[in-house]
Amino acid sequence: MSDKLSCYRCGESLAALSLPLSRQDQCPGCSADLHVCKMCVYFDVRVPRQCREDGADDVTEKERTNFCDWFKPSEAAFDPYRKAQADAAQ
């Protein structure tokens, strides 16, 4: 079980999903794809290519499902501040 994981986009708990996340897994709350860069422990906007894993292929769309073999879901992927900003912008 993925008790501590939450969706990077909406914060919905992913406890009902089993690990490892598959390419087809989607958030039960917002239907966002979950095997994406923004959900990964190696995702970092402060580094080149926004990925801390040197061996990973370059992925240009960070919110689209990919085939990255380095993917590991991050428990800290959800940022409530970023979601509040996005909600306010709408």
PDB file of N, CA and C in Angstrom:
ATOM      1  N   MET A   1       0.835  -1.191   0.000  1.00  0.00           N
ATOM      2  CA  MET A   1       0.000   0.000   0.000  1.00  0.00           C
ATOM      3  C   MET A   1       0.874   1.246   0.000  1.00  0.00           C
ATOM      4  N   SER A   2       0.326   2.309  -0.509  1.00  0.00           N
ATOM      5  CA  SER A   2       1.038   3.580  -0.591  1.00  0.00           C
ATOM      6  C   SER A   2       0.398   4.568   0.374  1.00  0.00           C
ATOM      7  N   ASP A   3       0.446   4.248   1.666  1.00  0.00           N
ATOM      8  CA  ASP A   3      -0.258   5.009   2.695  1.00  0.00           C
ATOM      9  C   ASP A   3       0.102   6.488   2.740  1.00  0.00           C
ATOM     10  N   LYS A   4       1.366   6.837   2.543  1.00  0.00           N
ATOM     11  CA  LYS A   4       1.785   8.221   2.680  1.00  0.00           C
ATOM     12  C   LYS A   4       1.811   8.985   1.369  1.00  0.00           C
ATOM     13  N   LEU A   5       1.567   8.314   0.264  1.00  0.00           N
ATOM     14  CA  LEU A   5       1.595   8.991  -1.035  1.00  0.00           C
ATOM     15  C   LEU A   5       0.313   9.771  -1.259  1.00  0.00           C
ATOM     16  N   SER A   6       0.469  10.923  -1.905  1.00  0.00           N
ATOM     17  CA  SER A   6      -0.689  11.698  -2.318  1.00  0.00           C
ATOM     18  C   SER A   6      -0.423  12.231  -3.719  1.00  0.00           C
ATOM     19  N   CYS A   7      -1.469  12.550  -4.427  1.00  0.00           N
ATOM     20  CA  CYS A   7      -1.367  13.039  -5.799  1.00  0.00           C
ATOM     21  C   CYS A   7      -0.592  14.358  -5.831  1.00  0.00           C
ATOM     22  N   TYR A   8       0.322  14.473  -6.772  1.00  0.00           N
ATOM     23  CA  TYR A   8       1.121  15.695  -6.898  1.00  0.00           C
ATOM     24  C   TYR A   8       0.255  16.885  -7.294  1.00  0.00           C
ATOM     25  N   ARG A   9      -0.872  16.657  -7.936  1.00  0.00           N
ATOM     26  CA  ARG A   9      -1.712  17.751  -8.435  1.00  0.00           C
ATOM     27  C   ARG A   9      -2.775  18.196  -7.439  1.00  0.00           C
ATOM     28  N   CYS A  10      -3.525  17.242  -6.856  1.00  0.00           N
ATOM     29  CA  CYS A  10      -4.652  17.640  -6.004  1.00  0.00           C
ATOM     30  C   CYS A  10      -4.482  17.275  -4.527  1.00  0.00           C
ATOM     31  N   GLY A  11      -3.520  16.422  -4.198  1.00  0.00           N
ATOM     32  CA  GLY A  11      -3.295  16.048  -2.809  1.00  0.00           C
ATOM     33  C   GLY A  11      -4.112  14.862  -2.330  1.00  0.00           C
ATOM     34  N   GLU A  12      -4.908  14.276  -3.197  1.00  0.00           N
ATOM     35  CA  GLU A  12      -5.724  13.104  -2.858  1.00  0.00           C
ATOM     36  C   GLU A  12      -4.830  11.949  -2.403  1.00  0.00           C
ATOM     37  N   SER A  13      -5.248  11.233  -1.377  1.00  0.00           N
ATOM     38  CA  SER A  13      -4.497  10.081  -0.893  1.00  0.00           C
ATOM     39  C   SER A  13      -4.467   8.981  -1.949  1.00  0.00           C
ATOM     40  N   LEU A  14      -3.313   8.332  -2.069  1.00  0.00           N
ATOM     41  CA  LEU A  14      -3.155   7.226  -3.017  1.00  0.00           C
ATOM     42  C   LEU A  14      -3.034   5.903  -2.279  1.00  0.00           C
ATOM     43  N   ALA A  15      -3.566   5.850  -1.056  1.00  0.00           N
ATOM     44  CA  ALA A  15      -3.463   4.666  -0.214  1.00  0.00           C
ATOM     45  C   ALA A  15      -4.121   3.440  -0.838  1.00  0.00           C
ATOM     46  N   ALA A  16      -5.119   3.624  -1.681  1.00  0.00           N
ATOM     47  CA  ALA A  16      -5.822   2.500  -2.293  1.00  0.00           C
ATOM     48  C   ALA A  16      -5.005   1.848  -3.409  1.00  0.00           C
ATOM     49  N   LEU A  17      -3.982   2.520  -3.890  1.00  0.00           N
ATOM     50  CA  LEU A  17      -3.158   1.974  -4.967  1.00  0.00           C
ATOM     51  C   LEU A  17      -2.012   1.159  -4.398  1.00  0.00           C
ATOM     52  N   SER A  18      -1.575   0.176  -5.150  1.00  0.00           N
ATOM     53  CA  SER A  18      -0.447  -0.635  -4.703  1.00  0.00           C
ATOM     54  C   SER A  18       0.828  -0.192  -5.414  1.00  0.00           C
ATOM     55  N   LEU A  19       1.939  -0.409  -4.748  1.00  0.00           N
ATOM     56  CA  LEU A  19       3.239  -0.064  -5.326  1.00  0.00           C
ATOM     57  C   LEU A  19       3.852  -1.303  -5.954  1.00  0.00           C
ATOM     58  N   PRO A  20       4.639  -1.175  -6.986  1.00  0.00           N
ATOM     59  CA  PRO A  20       5.005   0.073  -7.649  1.00  0.00           C
ATOM     60  C   PRO A  20       3.852   0.585  -8.503  1.00  0.00           C
ATOM     61  N   LEU A  21       3.780   1.916  -8.646  1.00  0.00           N
ATOM     62  CA  LEU A  21       2.746   2.508  -9.491  1.00  0.00           C
ATOM     63  C   LEU A  21       2.981   2.073 -10.938  1.00  0.00           C
ATOM     64  N   SER A  22       1.936   1.744 -11.627  1.00  0.00           N
ATOM     65  CA  SER A  22       2.073   1.357 -13.033  1.00  0.00           C
ATOM     66  C   SER A  22       1.912   2.589 -13.921  1.00  0.00           C
ATOM     67  N   ARG A  23       2.251   2.449 -15.182  1.00  0.00           N
ATOM     68  CA  ARG A  23       2.102   3.546 -16.135  1.00  0.00           C
ATOM     69  C   ARG A  23       0.648   3.968 -16.289  1.00  0.00           C
ATOM     70  N   GLN A  24      -0.282   3.064 -16.015  1.00  0.00           N
ATOM     71  CA  GLN A  24      -1.702   3.359 -16.219  1.00  0.00           C
ATOM     72  C   GLN A  24      -2.389   3.933 -14.981  1.00  0.00           C
ATOM     73  N   ASP A  25      -1.715   3.954 -13.845  1.00  0.00           N
ATOM     74  CA  ASP A  25      -2.350   4.442 -12.620  1.00  0.00           C
ATOM     75  C   ASP A  25      -2.693   5.928 -12.728  1.00  0.00           C
ATOM     76  N   GLN A  26      -3.900   6.249 -12.244  1.00  0.00           N
ATOM     77  CA  GLN A  26      -4.365   7.635 -12.219  1.00  0.00           C
ATOM     78  C   GLN A  26      -4.877   7.968 -10.831  1.00  0.00           C
ATOM     79  N   CYS A  27      -4.847   9.251 -10.520  1.00  0.00           N
ATOM     80  CA  CYS A  27      -5.349   9.732  -9.240  1.00  0.00           C
ATOM     81  C   CYS A  27      -6.855   9.483  -9.162  1.00  0.00           C
ATOM     82  N   PRO A  28      -7.348   8.913  -8.049  1.00  0.00           N
ATOM     83  CA  PRO A  28      -8.787   8.708  -7.902  1.00  0.00           C
ATOM     84  C   PRO A  28      -9.568  10.015  -7.753  1.00  0.00           C
ATOM     85  N   GLY A  29      -8.883  11.102  -7.401  1.00  0.00           N
ATOM     86  CA  GLY A  29      -9.564  12.385  -7.199  1.00  0.00           C
ATOM     87  C   GLY A  29      -9.643  13.251  -8.439  1.00  0.00           C
ATOM     88  N   CYS A  30      -8.530  13.393  -9.166  1.00  0.00           N
ATOM     89  CA  CYS A  30      -8.502  14.316 -10.314  1.00  0.00           C
ATOM     90  C   CYS A  30      -8.163  13.638 -11.636  1.00  0.00           C
ATOM     91  N   SER A  31      -7.955  12.326 -11.616  1.00  0.00           N
ATOM     92  CA  SER A  31      -7.634  11.532 -12.809  1.00  0.00           C
ATOM     93  C   SER A  31      -6.306  11.897 -13.461  1.00  0.00           C
ATOM     94  N   ALA A  32      -5.415  12.542 -12.722  1.00  0.00           N
ATOM     95  CA  ALA A  32      -4.086  12.857 -13.257  1.00  0.00           C
ATOM     96  C   ALA A  32      -3.271  11.571 -13.361  1.00  0.00           C
ATOM     97  N   ASP A  33      -2.472  11.460 -14.414  1.00  0.00           N
ATOM     98  CA  ASP A  33      -1.549  10.342 -14.532  1.00  0.00           C
ATOM     99  C   ASP A  33      -0.537  10.440 -13.393  1.00  0.00           C
ATOM    100  N   LEU A  34      -0.089   9.299 -12.873  1.00  0.00           N
ATOM    101  CA  LEU A  34       0.794   9.309 -11.712  1.00  0.00           C
ATOM    102  C   LEU A  34       2.229   8.895 -12.010  1.00  0.00           C
ATOM    103  N   HIS A  35       2.453   8.180 -13.111  1.00  0.00           N
ATOM    104  CA  HIS A  35       3.832   7.797 -13.475  1.00  0.00           C
ATOM    105  C   HIS A  35       4.423   8.940 -14.284  1.00  0.00           C
ATOM    106  N   VAL A  36       4.612  10.086 -13.612  1.00  0.00           N
ATOM    107  CA  VAL A  36       5.075  11.313 -14.266  1.00  0.00           C
ATOM    108  C   VAL A  36       6.239  11.915 -13.478  1.00  0.00           C
ATOM    109  N   CYS A  37       7.002  12.762 -14.126  1.00  0.00           N
ATOM    110  CA  CYS A  37       8.165  13.389 -13.480  1.00  0.00           C
ATOM    111  C   CYS A  37       7.800  14.126 -12.200  1.00  0.00           C
ATOM    112  N   LYS A  38       6.714  14.865 -12.208  1.00  0.00           N
ATOM    113  CA  LYS A  38       6.349  15.668 -11.044  1.00  0.00           C
ATOM    114  C   LYS A  38       5.981  14.832  -9.825  1.00  0.00           C
ATOM    115  N   MET A  39       5.798  13.540 -10.022  1.00  0.00           N
ATOM    116  CA  MET A  39       5.456  12.637  -8.916  1.00  0.00           C
ATOM    117  C   MET A  39       6.685  11.867  -8.433  1.00  0.00           C
ATOM    118  N   CYS A  40       7.841  12.132  -9.006  1.00  0.00           N
ATOM    119  CA  CYS A  40       9.045  11.351  -8.755  1.00  0.00           C
ATOM    120  C   CYS A  40       9.976  12.000  -7.718  1.00  0.00           C
ATOM    121  N   VAL A  41      10.702  11.169  -6.964  1.00  0.00           N
ATOM    122  CA  VAL A  41      11.649  11.674  -5.974  1.00  0.00           C
ATOM    123  C   VAL A  41      12.806  12.423  -6.628  1.00  0.00           C
ATOM    124  N   TYR A  42      13.099  12.148  -7.875  1.00  0.00           N
ATOM    125  CA  TYR A  42      14.214  12.802  -8.566  1.00  0.00           C
ATOM    126  C   TYR A  42      13.829  14.130  -9.216  1.00  0.00           C
ATOM    127  N   PHE A  43      12.553  14.472  -9.232  1.00  0.00           N
ATOM    128  CA  PHE A  43      12.101  15.730  -9.838  1.00  0.00           C
ATOM    129  C   PHE A  43      12.559  16.905  -8.975  1.00  0.00           C
ATOM    130  N   ASP A  44      13.202  17.882  -9.622  1.00  0.00           N
ATOM    131  CA  ASP A  44      13.699  19.066  -8.913  1.00  0.00           C
ATOM    132  C   ASP A  44      13.779  20.212  -9.912  1.00  0.00           C
ATOM    133  N   VAL A  45      12.978  21.239  -9.715  1.00  0.00           N
ATOM    134  CA  VAL A  45      12.942  22.362 -10.664  1.00  0.00           C
ATOM    135  C   VAL A  45      14.228  23.184 -10.661  1.00  0.00           C
ATOM    136  N   ARG A  46      15.078  22.980  -9.662  1.00  0.00           N
ATOM    137  CA  ARG A  46      16.299  23.781  -9.547  1.00  0.00           C
ATOM    138  C   ARG A  46      17.498  23.209 -10.293  1.00  0.00           C
ATOM    139  N   VAL A  47      17.368  22.052 -10.922  1.00  0.00           N
ATOM    140  CA  VAL A  47      18.491  21.438 -11.634  1.00  0.00           C
ATOM    141  C   VAL A  47      18.182  21.353 -13.126  1.00  0.00           C
ATOM    142  N   PRO A  48      19.226  21.234 -13.963  1.00  0.00           N
ATOM    143  CA  PRO A  48      18.996  21.092 -15.403  1.00  0.00           C
ATOM    144  C   PRO A  48      18.113  19.880 -15.701  1.00  0.00           C
ATOM    145  N   ARG A  49      17.248  20.028 -16.667  1.00  0.00           N
ATOM    146  CA  ARG A  49      16.281  18.995 -17.073  1.00  0.00           C
ATOM    147  C   ARG A  49      15.271  18.683 -15.979  1.00  0.00           C
ATOM    148  N   GLN A  50      15.347  19.358 -14.841  1.00  0.00           N
ATOM    149  CA  GLN A  50      14.455  19.177 -13.690  1.00  0.00           C
ATOM    150  C   GLN A  50      14.480  17.742 -13.155  1.00  0.00           C
ATOM    151  N   CYS A  51      15.637  17.082 -13.291  1.00  0.00           N
ATOM    152  CA  CYS A  51      15.794  15.714 -12.812  1.00  0.00           C
ATOM    153  C   CYS A  51      17.173  15.552 -12.186  1.00  0.00           C
ATOM    154  N   ARG A  52      17.211  15.020 -10.974  1.00  0.00           N
ATOM    155  CA  ARG A  52      18.485  14.814 -10.279  1.00  0.00           C
ATOM    156  C   ARG A  52      19.159  13.503 -10.658  1.00  0.00           C
ATOM    157  N   GLU A  53      18.508  12.668 -11.459  1.00  0.00           N
ATOM    158  CA  GLU A  53      19.092  11.395 -11.874  1.00  0.00           C
ATOM    159  C   GLU A  53      19.785  11.586 -13.219  1.00  0.00           C
ATOM    160  N   ASP A  54      21.107  11.516 -13.211  1.00  0.00           N
ATOM    161  CA  ASP A  54      21.885  11.747 -14.428  1.00  0.00           C
ATOM    162  C   ASP A  54      21.605  10.726 -15.527  1.00  0.00           C
ATOM    163  N   GLY A  55      21.262   9.500 -15.167  1.00  0.00           N
ATOM    164  CA  GLY A  55      21.049   8.456 -16.161  1.00  0.00           C
ATOM    165  C   GLY A  55      19.672   8.476 -16.802  1.00  0.00           C
ATOM    166  N   ALA A  56      18.773   9.292 -16.307  1.00  0.00           N
ATOM    167  CA  ALA A  56      17.407   9.326 -16.835  1.00  0.00           C
ATOM    168  C   ALA A  56      17.340  10.052 -18.178  1.00  0.00           C
ATOM    169  N   ASP A  57      16.464   9.570 -19.036  1.00  0.00           N
ATOM    170  CA  ASP A  57      16.231  10.241 -20.316  1.00  0.00           C
ATOM    171  C   ASP A  57      15.575  11.592 -20.075  1.00  0.00           C
ATOM    172  N   ASP A  58      15.775  12.510 -21.007  1.00  0.00           N
ATOM    173  CA  ASP A  58      15.159  13.827 -20.908  1.00  0.00           C
ATOM    174  C   ASP A  58      13.674  13.713 -21.245  1.00  0.00           C
ATOM    175  N   VAL A  59      12.835  14.197 -20.362  1.00  0.00           N
ATOM    176  CA  VAL A  59      11.387  14.196 -20.569  1.00  0.00           C
ATOM    177  C   VAL A  59      10.945  15.650 -20.580  1.00  0.00           C
ATOM    178  N   THR A  60      10.351  16.101 -21.666  1.00  0.00           N
ATOM    179  CA  THR A  60       9.988  17.512 -21.771  1.00  0.00           C
ATOM    180  C   THR A  60       8.668  17.835 -21.076  1.00  0.00           C
ATOM    181  N   GLU A  61       7.710  16.933 -21.116  1.00  0.00           N
ATOM    182  CA  GLU A  61       6.407  17.185 -20.488  1.00  0.00           C
ATOM    183  C   GLU A  61       6.358  16.461 -19.146  1.00  0.00           C
ATOM    184  N   LYS A  62       6.529  17.199 -18.083  1.00  0.00           N
ATOM    185  CA  LYS A  62       6.689  16.638 -16.746  1.00  0.00           C
ATOM    186  C   LYS A  62       5.400  16.108 -16.125  1.00  0.00           C
ATOM    187  N   GLU A  63       4.246  16.394 -16.742  1.00  0.00           N
ATOM    188  CA  GLU A  63       2.972  15.913 -16.218  1.00  0.00           C
ATOM    189  C   GLU A  63       2.344  14.855 -17.112  1.00  0.00           C
ATOM    190  N   ARG A  64       3.112  14.307 -18.051  1.00  0.00           N
ATOM    191  CA  ARG A  64       2.604  13.257 -18.928  1.00  0.00           C
ATOM    192  C   ARG A  64       3.258  11.936 -18.573  1.00  0.00           C
ATOM    193  N   THR A  65       2.507  10.867 -18.698  1.00  0.00           N
ATOM    194  CA  THR A  65       3.020   9.532 -18.416  1.00  0.00           C
ATOM    195  C   THR A  65       4.274   9.276 -19.238  1.00  0.00           C
ATOM    196  N   ASN A  66       5.275   8.646 -18.608  1.00  0.00           N
ATOM    197  CA  ASN A  66       6.511   8.346 -19.322  1.00  0.00           C
ATOM    198  C   ASN A  66       6.984   6.931 -18.998  1.00  0.00           C
ATOM    199  N   PHE A  67       8.044   6.530 -19.672  1.00  0.00           N
ATOM    200  CA  PHE A  67       8.598   5.189 -19.501  1.00  0.00           C
ATOM    201  C   PHE A  67       9.882   5.189 -18.677  1.00  0.00           C
ATOM    202  N   CYS A  68      10.131   6.201 -17.892  1.00  0.00           N
ATOM    203  CA  CYS A  68      11.382   6.331 -17.146  1.00  0.00           C
ATOM    204  C   CYS A  68      11.577   5.154 -16.186  1.00  0.00           C
ATOM    205  N   ASP A  69      12.722   4.492 -16.326  1.00  0.00           N
ATOM    206  CA  ASP A  69      13.034   3.362 -15.446  1.00  0.00           C
ATOM    207  C   ASP A  69      13.494   3.806 -14.061  1.00  0.00           C
ATOM    208  N   TRP A  70      13.827   5.068 -13.901  1.00  0.00           N
ATOM    209  CA  TRP A  70      14.301   5.594 -12.621  1.00  0.00           C
ATOM    210  C   TRP A  70      13.157   6.064 -11.723  1.00  0.00           C
ATOM    211  N   PHE A  71      11.941   6.067 -12.216  1.00  0.00           N
ATOM    212  CA  PHE A  71      10.795   6.604 -11.486  1.00  0.00           C
ATOM    213  C   PHE A  71      10.608   5.943 -10.121  1.00  0.00           C
ATOM    214  N   LYS A  72      10.521   6.782  -9.085  1.00  0.00           N
ATOM    215  CA  LYS A  72      10.162   6.366  -7.725  1.00  0.00           C
ATOM    216  C   LYS A  72       9.188   7.413  -7.203  1.00  0.00           C
ATOM    217  N   PRO A  73       7.988   7.009  -6.775  1.00  0.00           N
ATOM    218  CA  PRO A  73       7.021   7.999  -6.299  1.00  0.00           C
ATOM    219  C   PRO A  73       7.501   8.703  -5.031  1.00  0.00           C
ATOM    220  N   SER A  74       7.237   9.984  -4.981  1.00  0.00           N
ATOM    221  CA  SER A  74       7.660  10.802  -3.853  1.00  0.00           C
ATOM    222  C   SER A  74       6.493  11.081  -2.911  1.00  0.00           C
ATOM    223  N   GLU A  75       6.761  10.962  -1.626  1.00  0.00           N
ATOM    224  CA  GLU A  75       5.746  11.302  -0.625  1.00  0.00           C
ATOM    225  C   GLU A  75       5.579  12.811  -0.497  1.00  0.00           C
ATOM    226  N   ALA A  76       6.530  13.571  -1.006  1.00  0.00           N
ATOM    227  CA  ALA A  76       6.500  15.035  -0.894  1.00  0.00           C
ATOM    228  C   ALA A  76       6.139  15.707  -2.216  1.00  0.00           C
ATOM    229  N   ALA A  77       5.545  14.977  -3.142  1.00  0.00           N
ATOM    230  CA  ALA A  77       5.251  15.540  -4.459  1.00  0.00           C
ATOM    231  C   ALA A  77       4.159  16.618  -4.408  1.00  0.00           C
ATOM    232  N   PHE A  78       3.211  16.482  -3.498  1.00  0.00           N
ATOM    233  CA  PHE A  78       2.124  17.464  -3.413  1.00  0.00           C
ATOM    234  C   PHE A  78       2.592  18.711  -2.672  1.00  0.00           C
ATOM    235  N   ASP A  79       2.356  19.857  -3.279  1.00  0.00           N
ATOM    236  CA  ASP A  79       2.711  21.143  -2.686  1.00  0.00           C
ATOM    237  C   ASP A  79       1.429  21.951  -2.507  1.00  0.00           C
ATOM    238  N   PRO A  80       0.903  22.051  -1.285  1.00  0.00           N
ATOM    239  CA  PRO A  80      -0.361  22.768  -1.074  1.00  0.00           C
ATOM    240  C   PRO A  80      -0.279  24.237  -1.478  1.00  0.00           C
ATOM    241  N   TYR A  81       0.876  24.844  -1.335  1.00  0.00           N
ATOM    242  CA  TYR A  81       1.042  26.249  -1.725  1.00  0.00           C
ATOM    243  C   TYR A  81       0.878  26.413  -3.230  1.00  0.00           C
ATOM    244  N   ARG A  82       1.505  25.502  -4.001  1.00  0.00           N
ATOM    245  CA  ARG A  82       1.385  25.552  -5.461  1.00  0.00           C
ATOM    246  C   ARG A  82      -0.063  25.341  -5.894  1.00  0.00           C
ATOM    247  N   LYS A  83      -0.781  24.428  -5.207  1.00  0.00           N
ATOM    248  CA  LYS A  83      -2.189  24.178  -5.547  1.00  0.00           C
ATOM    249  C   LYS A  83      -3.034  25.409  -5.220  1.00  0.00           C
ATOM    250  N   ALA A  84      -2.761  26.065  -4.110  1.00  0.00           N
ATOM    251  CA  ALA A  84      -3.506  27.276  -3.745  1.00  0.00           C
ATOM    252  C   ALA A  84      -3.290  28.378  -4.785  1.00  0.00           C
ATOM    253  N   GLN A  85      -2.063  28.502  -5.280  1.00  0.00           N
ATOM    254  CA  GLN A  85      -1.784  29.492  -6.318  1.00  0.00           C
ATOM    255  C   GLN A  85      -2.532  29.159  -7.612  1.00  0.00           C
ATOM    256  N   ALA A  86      -2.551  27.894  -7.978  1.00  0.00           N
ATOM    257  CA  ALA A  86      -3.240  27.473  -9.198  1.00  0.00           C
ATOM    258  C   ALA A  86      -4.738  27.701  -9.069  1.00  0.00           C
ATOM    259  N   ASP A  87      -5.302  27.390  -7.895  1.00  0.00           N
ATOM    260  CA  ASP A  87      -6.735  27.611  -7.663  1.00  0.00           C
ATOM    261  C   ASP A  87      -7.071  29.102  -7.725  1.00  0.00           C
ATOM    262  N   ALA A  88      -6.213  29.941  -7.159  1.00  0.00           N
ATOM    263  CA  ALA A  88      -6.453  31.387  -7.172  1.00  0.00           C
ATOM    264  C   ALA A  88      -6.354  31.953  -8.593  1.00  0.00           C
ATOM    265  N   ALA A  89      -5.495  31.390  -9.402  1.00  0.00           N
ATOM    266  CA  ALA A  89      -5.337  31.849 -10.775  1.00  0.00           C
ATOM    267  C   ALA A  89      -6.572  31.546 -11.626  1.00  0.00           C
ATOM    268  N   GLN A  90      -7.268  30.485 -11.258  1.00  0.00           N
ATOM    269  CA  GLN A  90      -8.473  30.113 -12.012  1.00  0.00           C
ATOM    270  C   GLN A  90      -9.612  30.999 -11.582  1.00  0.00           C
TER     271      GLN A  90
END
